[in-house]
C-alpha atoms as a PDB file:
ATOM      1  CA  MET A   1      97.737 -97.032  46.979  1.00  0.00           C
ATOM      2  CA  LYS A   2      99.216 -93.535  46.875  1.00  0.00           C
ATOM      3  CA  ARG A   3      98.007 -93.189  43.284  1.00  0.00           C
ATOM      4  CA  LEU A   4      94.443 -94.092  44.401  1.00  0.00           C
ATOM      5  CA  LYS A   5      94.539 -91.409  47.094  1.00  0.00           C
ATOM      6  CA  ASN A   6      95.753 -88.827  44.559  1.00  0.00           C
ATOM      7  CA  SER A   7      92.972 -89.652  42.082  1.00  0.00           C
ATOM      8  CA  ALA A   8      90.359 -89.475  44.874  1.00  0.00           C
ATOM      9  CA  TYR A   9      91.765 -86.081  45.843  1.00  0.00           C
ATOM     10  CA  ILE A  10      91.602 -84.862  42.227  1.00  0.00           C
ATOM     11  CA  ALA A  11      88.025 -86.147  41.843  1.00  0.00           C
ATOM     12  CA  ALA A  12      86.986 -84.333  45.018  1.00  0.00           C
ATOM     13  CA  LEU A  13      88.680 -81.151  43.780  1.00  0.00           C
ATOM     14  CA  VAL A  14      86.879 -81.348  40.411  1.00  0.00           C
ATOM     15  CA  LEU A  15      83.511 -81.937  42.109  1.00  0.00           C
ATOM     16  CA  ALA A  16      84.058 -79.020  44.468  1.00  0.00           C
ATOM     17  CA  THR A  17      84.865 -76.791  41.507  1.00  0.00           C
ATOM     18  CA  LEU A  18      81.873 -77.888  39.404  1.00  0.00           C
ATOM     19  CA  ALA A  19      79.298 -78.188  42.204  1.00  0.00           C
ATOM     20  CA  PRO A  20      78.331 -74.463  42.294  1.00  0.00           C
ATOM     21  CA  ALA A  21      77.723 -74.504  38.534  1.00  0.00           C
ATOM     22  CA  GLY A  22      75.598 -77.646  38.866  1.00  0.00           C
ATOM     23  CA  VAL A  23      73.559 -76.092  41.665  1.00  0.00           C
ATOM     24  CA  ALA A  24      72.975 -72.968  39.583  1.00  0.00           C
ATOM     25  CA  MET A  25      71.837 -75.060  36.625  1.00  0.00           C
ATOM     26  CA  ALA A  26      69.587 -77.189  38.845  1.00  0.00           C
ATOM     27  CA  GLN A  27      68.118 -74.079  40.432  1.00  0.00           C
ATOM     28  CA  GLU A  28      67.139 -72.708  37.020  1.00  0.00           C
ATOM     29  CA  THR A  29      65.547 -76.004  36.019  1.00  0.00           C
ATOM     30  CA  ILE A  30      63.678 -76.539  39.276  1.00  0.00           C
ATOM     31  CA  ALA A  31      62.607 -72.901  39.535  1.00  0.00           C
ATOM     32  CA  THR A  32      60.508 -73.295  36.375  1.00  0.00           C
ATOM     33  CA  LEU A  33      58.330 -75.771  38.255  1.00  0.00           C
ATOM     34  CA  ARG A  34      57.627 -73.002  40.753  1.00  0.00           C
ATOM     35  CA  ALA A  35      56.119 -70.671  38.125  1.00  0.00           C
ATOM     36  CA  GLY A  36      59.204 -68.494  37.968  1.00  0.00           C
ATOM     37  CA  THR A  37      59.734 -68.107  41.729  1.00  0.00           C
ATOM     38  CA  PRO A  38      63.397 -68.720  42.685  1.00  0.00           C
ATOM     39  CA  LEU A  39      64.094 -71.502  45.159  1.00  0.00           C
ATOM     40  CA  ALA A  40      65.311 -69.085  47.818  1.00  0.00           C
ATOM     41  CA  GLU A  41      61.970 -67.223  47.808  1.00  0.00           C
ATOM     42  CA  ASN A  42      58.424 -68.189  48.694  1.00  0.00           C
ATOM     43  CA  ALA A  43      55.659 -67.460  46.221  1.00  0.00           C
ATOM     44  CA  ALA A  44      52.402 -65.945  47.392  1.00  0.00           C
ATOM     45  CA  PRO A  45      50.037 -68.814  48.212  1.00  0.00           C
ATOM     46  CA  HIS A  46      47.050 -69.404  45.979  1.00  0.00           C
ATOM     47  CA  ALA A  47      43.642 -68.624  47.409  1.00  0.00           C
ATOM     48  CA  ILE A  48      41.868 -71.609  48.936  1.00  0.00           C
ATOM     49  CA  ALA A  49      39.174 -72.766  46.541  1.00  0.00           C
ATOM     50  CA  PRO A  50      35.599 -72.551  47.837  1.00  0.00           C
ATOM     51  CA  VAL A  51      33.867 -75.784  48.825  1.00  0.00           C
ATOM     52  CA  ARG A  52      31.272 -77.122  46.401  1.00  0.00           C
ATOM     53  CA  ASN A  53      27.963 -76.791  48.236  1.00  0.00           C
ATOM     54  CA  THR A  54      25.367 -78.330  45.917  1.00  0.00           C
ATOM     55  CA  ASP A  55      24.025 -81.238  48.011  1.00  0.00           C
ATOM     56  CA  LEU A  56      24.197 -83.325  44.827  1.00  0.00           C
ATOM     57  CA  ARG A  57      26.024 -86.638  44.845  1.00  0.00           C
ATOM     58  CA  GLN A  58      29.451 -86.406  43.258  1.00  0.00           C
ATOM     59  CA  VAL A  59      30.782 -88.866  40.690  1.00  0.00           C
ATOM     60  CA  ARG A  60      33.506 -91.113  42.081  1.00  0.00           C
ATOM     61  CA  ASN A  61      36.926 -90.965  40.441  1.00  0.00           C
ATOM     62  CA  TYR A  62      38.036 -94.548  41.100  1.00  0.00           C
ATOM     63  CA  PRO A  63      36.541 -97.832  42.361  1.00  0.00           C
ATOM     64  CA  GLU A  64      35.957 -98.057  46.099  1.00  0.00           C
ATOM     65  CA  GLN A  65      36.435 -94.294  46.536  1.00  0.00           C
ATOM     66  CA  PRO A  66      34.604 -93.086  49.638  1.00  0.00           C
ATOM     67  CA  PRO A  67      31.772 -90.790  48.543  1.00  0.00           C
ATOM     68  CA  LEU A  68      32.629 -87.099  48.583  1.00  0.00           C
ATOM     69  CA  ILE A  69      30.755 -84.780  50.917  1.00  0.00           C
ATOM     70  CA  PRO A  70      28.640 -82.535  48.632  1.00  0.00           C
ATOM     71  CA  HIS A  71      28.214 -79.739  51.174  1.00  0.00           C
ATOM     72  CA  LYS A  72      30.194 -77.554  53.536  1.00  0.00           C
ATOM     73  CA  THR A  73      31.329 -79.084  56.817  1.00  0.00           C
ATOM     74  CA  ASP A  74      32.894 -75.988  58.373  1.00  0.00           C
ATOM     75  CA  GLY A  75      32.334 -76.053  62.105  1.00  0.00           C
ATOM     76  CA  TYR A  76      31.019 -79.643  62.211  1.00  0.00           C
ATOM     77  CA  GLN A  77      31.768 -81.281  65.526  1.00  0.00           C
ATOM     78  CA  ILE A  78      33.223 -84.766  65.111  1.00  0.00           C
ATOM     79  CA  ASP A  79      34.909 -85.936  68.277  1.00  0.00           C
ATOM     80  CA  LEU A  80      34.448 -88.488  71.066  1.00  0.00           C
ATOM     81  CA  ASN A  81      31.414 -86.597  72.381  1.00  0.00           C
ATOM     82  CA  ALA A  82      29.484 -85.894  69.172  1.00  0.00           C
ATOM     83  CA  ASN A  83      29.333 -86.583  65.461  1.00  0.00           C
ATOM     84  CA  GLN A  84      27.341 -83.912  63.681  1.00  0.00           C
ATOM     85  CA  CYS A  85      27.265 -85.943  60.426  1.00  0.00           C
ATOM     86  CA  LEU A  86      24.983 -88.471  62.094  1.00  0.00           C
ATOM     87  CA  LEU A  87      22.340 -85.806  62.730  1.00  0.00           C
ATOM     88  CA  CYS A  88      21.352 -86.248  59.070  1.00  0.00           C
ATOM     89  CA  HIS A  89      22.955 -89.531  57.959  1.00  0.00           C
ATOM     90  CA  SER A  90      21.999 -91.934  60.777  1.00  0.00           C
ATOM     91  CA  ARG A  91      19.298 -94.578  60.269  1.00  0.00           C
ATOM     92  CA  THR A  92      16.824 -92.648  62.411  1.00  0.00           C
ATOM     93  CA  ALA A  93      17.368 -89.269  60.723  1.00  0.00           C
ATOM     94  CA  ILE A  94      17.305 -90.041  57.000  1.00  0.00           C
ATOM     95  CA  GLU A  95      13.505 -89.873  56.639  1.00  0.00           C
ATOM     96  CA  ILE A  96      13.466 -86.290  57.872  1.00  0.00           C
ATOM     97  CA  SER A  97      16.760 -85.099  56.354  1.00  0.00           C
ATOM     98  CA  GLN A  98      16.457 -86.979  53.017  1.00  0.00           C
ATOM     99  CA  ALA A  99      20.248 -87.503  53.213  1.00  0.00           C
ATOM    100  CA  PRO A 100      21.747 -90.849  52.191  1.00  0.00           C
ATOM    101  CA  MET A 101      22.139 -93.255  55.080  1.00  0.00           C
ATOM    102  CA  VAL A 102      25.566 -94.246  56.324  1.00  0.00           C
ATOM    103  CA  SER A 103      26.704 -97.386  54.491  1.00  0.00           C
ATOM    104  CA  ILE A 104      25.867-100.686  56.147  1.00  0.00           C
ATOM    105  CA  THR A 105      29.608-101.407  56.241  1.00  0.00           C
ATOM    106  CA  HIS A 106      29.927 -98.639  58.841  1.00  0.00           C
ATOM    107  CA  PHE A 107      27.878-100.762  61.274  1.00  0.00           C
ATOM    108  CA  MET A 108      30.192-103.803  61.076  1.00  0.00           C
ATOM    109  CA  ASN A 109      32.843-104.338  63.712  1.00  0.00           C
ATOM    110  CA  ARG A 110      36.188-105.983  62.950  1.00  0.00           C
ATOM    111  CA  ASP A 111      34.658-109.424  63.471  1.00  0.00           C
ATOM    112  CA  ASN A 112      32.040-108.658  60.760  1.00  0.00           C
ATOM    113  CA  GLN A 113      29.273-108.535  63.351  1.00  0.00           C
ATOM    114  CA  PHE A 114      26.596-105.886  62.743  1.00  0.00           C
ATOM    115  CA  LEU A 115      26.058-103.353  65.519  1.00  0.00           C
ATOM    116  CA  ALA A 116      23.004-101.209  66.246  1.00  0.00           C
ATOM    117  CA  SER A 117      25.018 -98.009  65.779  1.00  0.00           C
ATOM    118  CA  VAL A 118      28.032 -96.880  63.774  1.00  0.00           C
ATOM    119  CA  THR A 119      31.137 -98.802  64.802  1.00  0.00           C
ATOM    120  CA  PRO A 120      33.799 -96.763  66.606  1.00  0.00           C
ATOM    121  CA  ARG A 121      36.328 -97.514  63.863  1.00  0.00           C
ATOM    122  CA  ARG A 122      34.061 -95.787  61.294  1.00  0.00           C
ATOM    123  CA  TYR A 123      32.884 -92.970  63.576  1.00  0.00           C
ATOM    124  CA  PHE A 124      35.256 -90.203  62.392  1.00  0.00           C
ATOM    125  CA  CYS A 125      33.743 -89.554  58.947  1.00  0.00           C
ATOM    126  CA  THR A 126      36.267 -87.020  57.677  1.00  0.00           C
ATOM    127  CA  GLN A 127      39.102 -89.539  57.854  1.00  0.00           C
ATOM    128  CA  CYS A 128      37.800 -90.898  54.538  1.00  0.00           C
ATOM    129  CA  HIS A 129      35.067 -88.559  53.309  1.00  0.00           C
ATOM    130  CA  VAL A 130      36.037 -85.059  52.218  1.00  0.00           C
ATOM    131  CA  PRO A 131      34.212 -82.043  50.791  1.00  0.00           C
ATOM    132  CA  GLN A 132      34.904 -81.256  47.134  1.00  0.00           C
ATOM    133  CA  ALA A 133      36.465 -77.900  46.258  1.00  0.00           C
ATOM    134  CA  GLU A 134      35.503 -75.792  43.249  1.00  0.00           C
ATOM    135  CA  ALA A 135      38.930 -76.181  41.673  1.00  0.00           C
ATOM    136  CA  ARG A 136      40.260 -77.474  38.396  1.00  0.00           C
ATOM    137  CA  PRO A 137      41.984 -80.861  38.636  1.00  0.00           C
ATOM    138  CA  LEU A 138      45.760 -80.769  39.035  1.00  0.00           C
ATOM    139  CA  LEU A 139      46.096 -83.777  36.719  1.00  0.00           C
ATOM    140  CA  GLU A 140      43.924 -85.282  34.022  1.00  0.00           C
ATOM    141  CA  ASN A 141      41.970 -88.292  35.225  1.00  0.00           C
ATOM    142  CA  GLY A 142      41.569 -91.189  32.809  1.00  0.00           C
ATOM    143  CA  PHE A 143      39.297 -93.240  35.089  1.00  0.00           C
ATOM    144  CA  VAL A 144      36.533 -95.029  33.189  1.00  0.00           C
ATOM    145  CA  ASP A 145      33.455 -96.097  35.119  1.00  0.00           C
ATOM    146  CA  ILE A 146      32.437 -99.772  34.840  1.00  0.00           C
ATOM    147  CA  ASP A 147      29.170 -98.759  33.173  1.00  0.00           C
ATOM    148  CA  GLN A 148      31.139 -97.057  30.393  1.00  0.00           C
ATOM    149  CA  VAL A 149      33.334-100.161  29.990  1.00  0.00           C
ATOM    150  CA  LEU A 150      30.303-102.445  29.727  1.00  0.00           C
ATOM    151  CA  GLU A 151      28.663-100.081  27.232  1.00  0.00           C
ATOM    152  CA  TYR A 152      31.825-100.057  25.118  1.00  0.00           C
ATOM    153  CA  VAL A 153      32.125-103.860  25.219  1.00  0.00           C
ATOM    154  CA  SER A 154      28.496-104.376  24.207  1.00  0.00           C
ATOM    155  CA  GLY A 155      28.975-101.899  21.342  1.00  0.00           C
ATOM    156  CA  GLN A 156      32.027-103.828  20.121  1.00  0.00           C
ATOM    157  CA  GLU A 157      30.168-107.141  20.136  1.00  0.00           C
ATOM    158  CA  GLY A 158      27.641-105.772  17.618  1.00  0.00           C
ATOM    159  CA  ASN A 159      30.391-105.046  15.062  1.00  0.00           C
END
C-alpha cells in the first residue's frame, strides 16, 4: 500500500514538472488556429460582412433548409405587436409586393388544422429564416441538389 502511495506521489511530481512544458507546446499548436494571435491576447475582430440585398431567391444548401432572406431586414419589427415580414409576404399582400407568399405550412397549427392567418408558432420569421451575408464560406459545401442527382443517374443509364 505504501509503495502505491509513493508511485502516485512520483507520478504527480512528474506531471507537475512536465505540465508547464505541455501547456507551452499546446499554446503554440492552438495559437496557429488563431492566425498567429497568442492565446492570452484577443485579435482584432473581422469586419461584419454586408448583407446580400439582391431580392433574388437564394439556392438552398441542404434539403429542408428554410429559404434565406434575400434582402436586408435591419430595423424590421417582429414582436407580439407586429410582424413587418407579413407586410409583403402575407396572402393579401403578395399581389402588390410580388414577394413569395409564406409557405402553407406556416398556417398549420400543431393539430395540422389550417388557420386563416400565420400560426403563432411560425410567427417569428427570423428564428428560421436569415439574411445571407456577402462572405466566402468558412467550409466547402459538398451538397448536391436532387435535380443534379437525377441528371447524373439518367446520364449513367445511357452508358
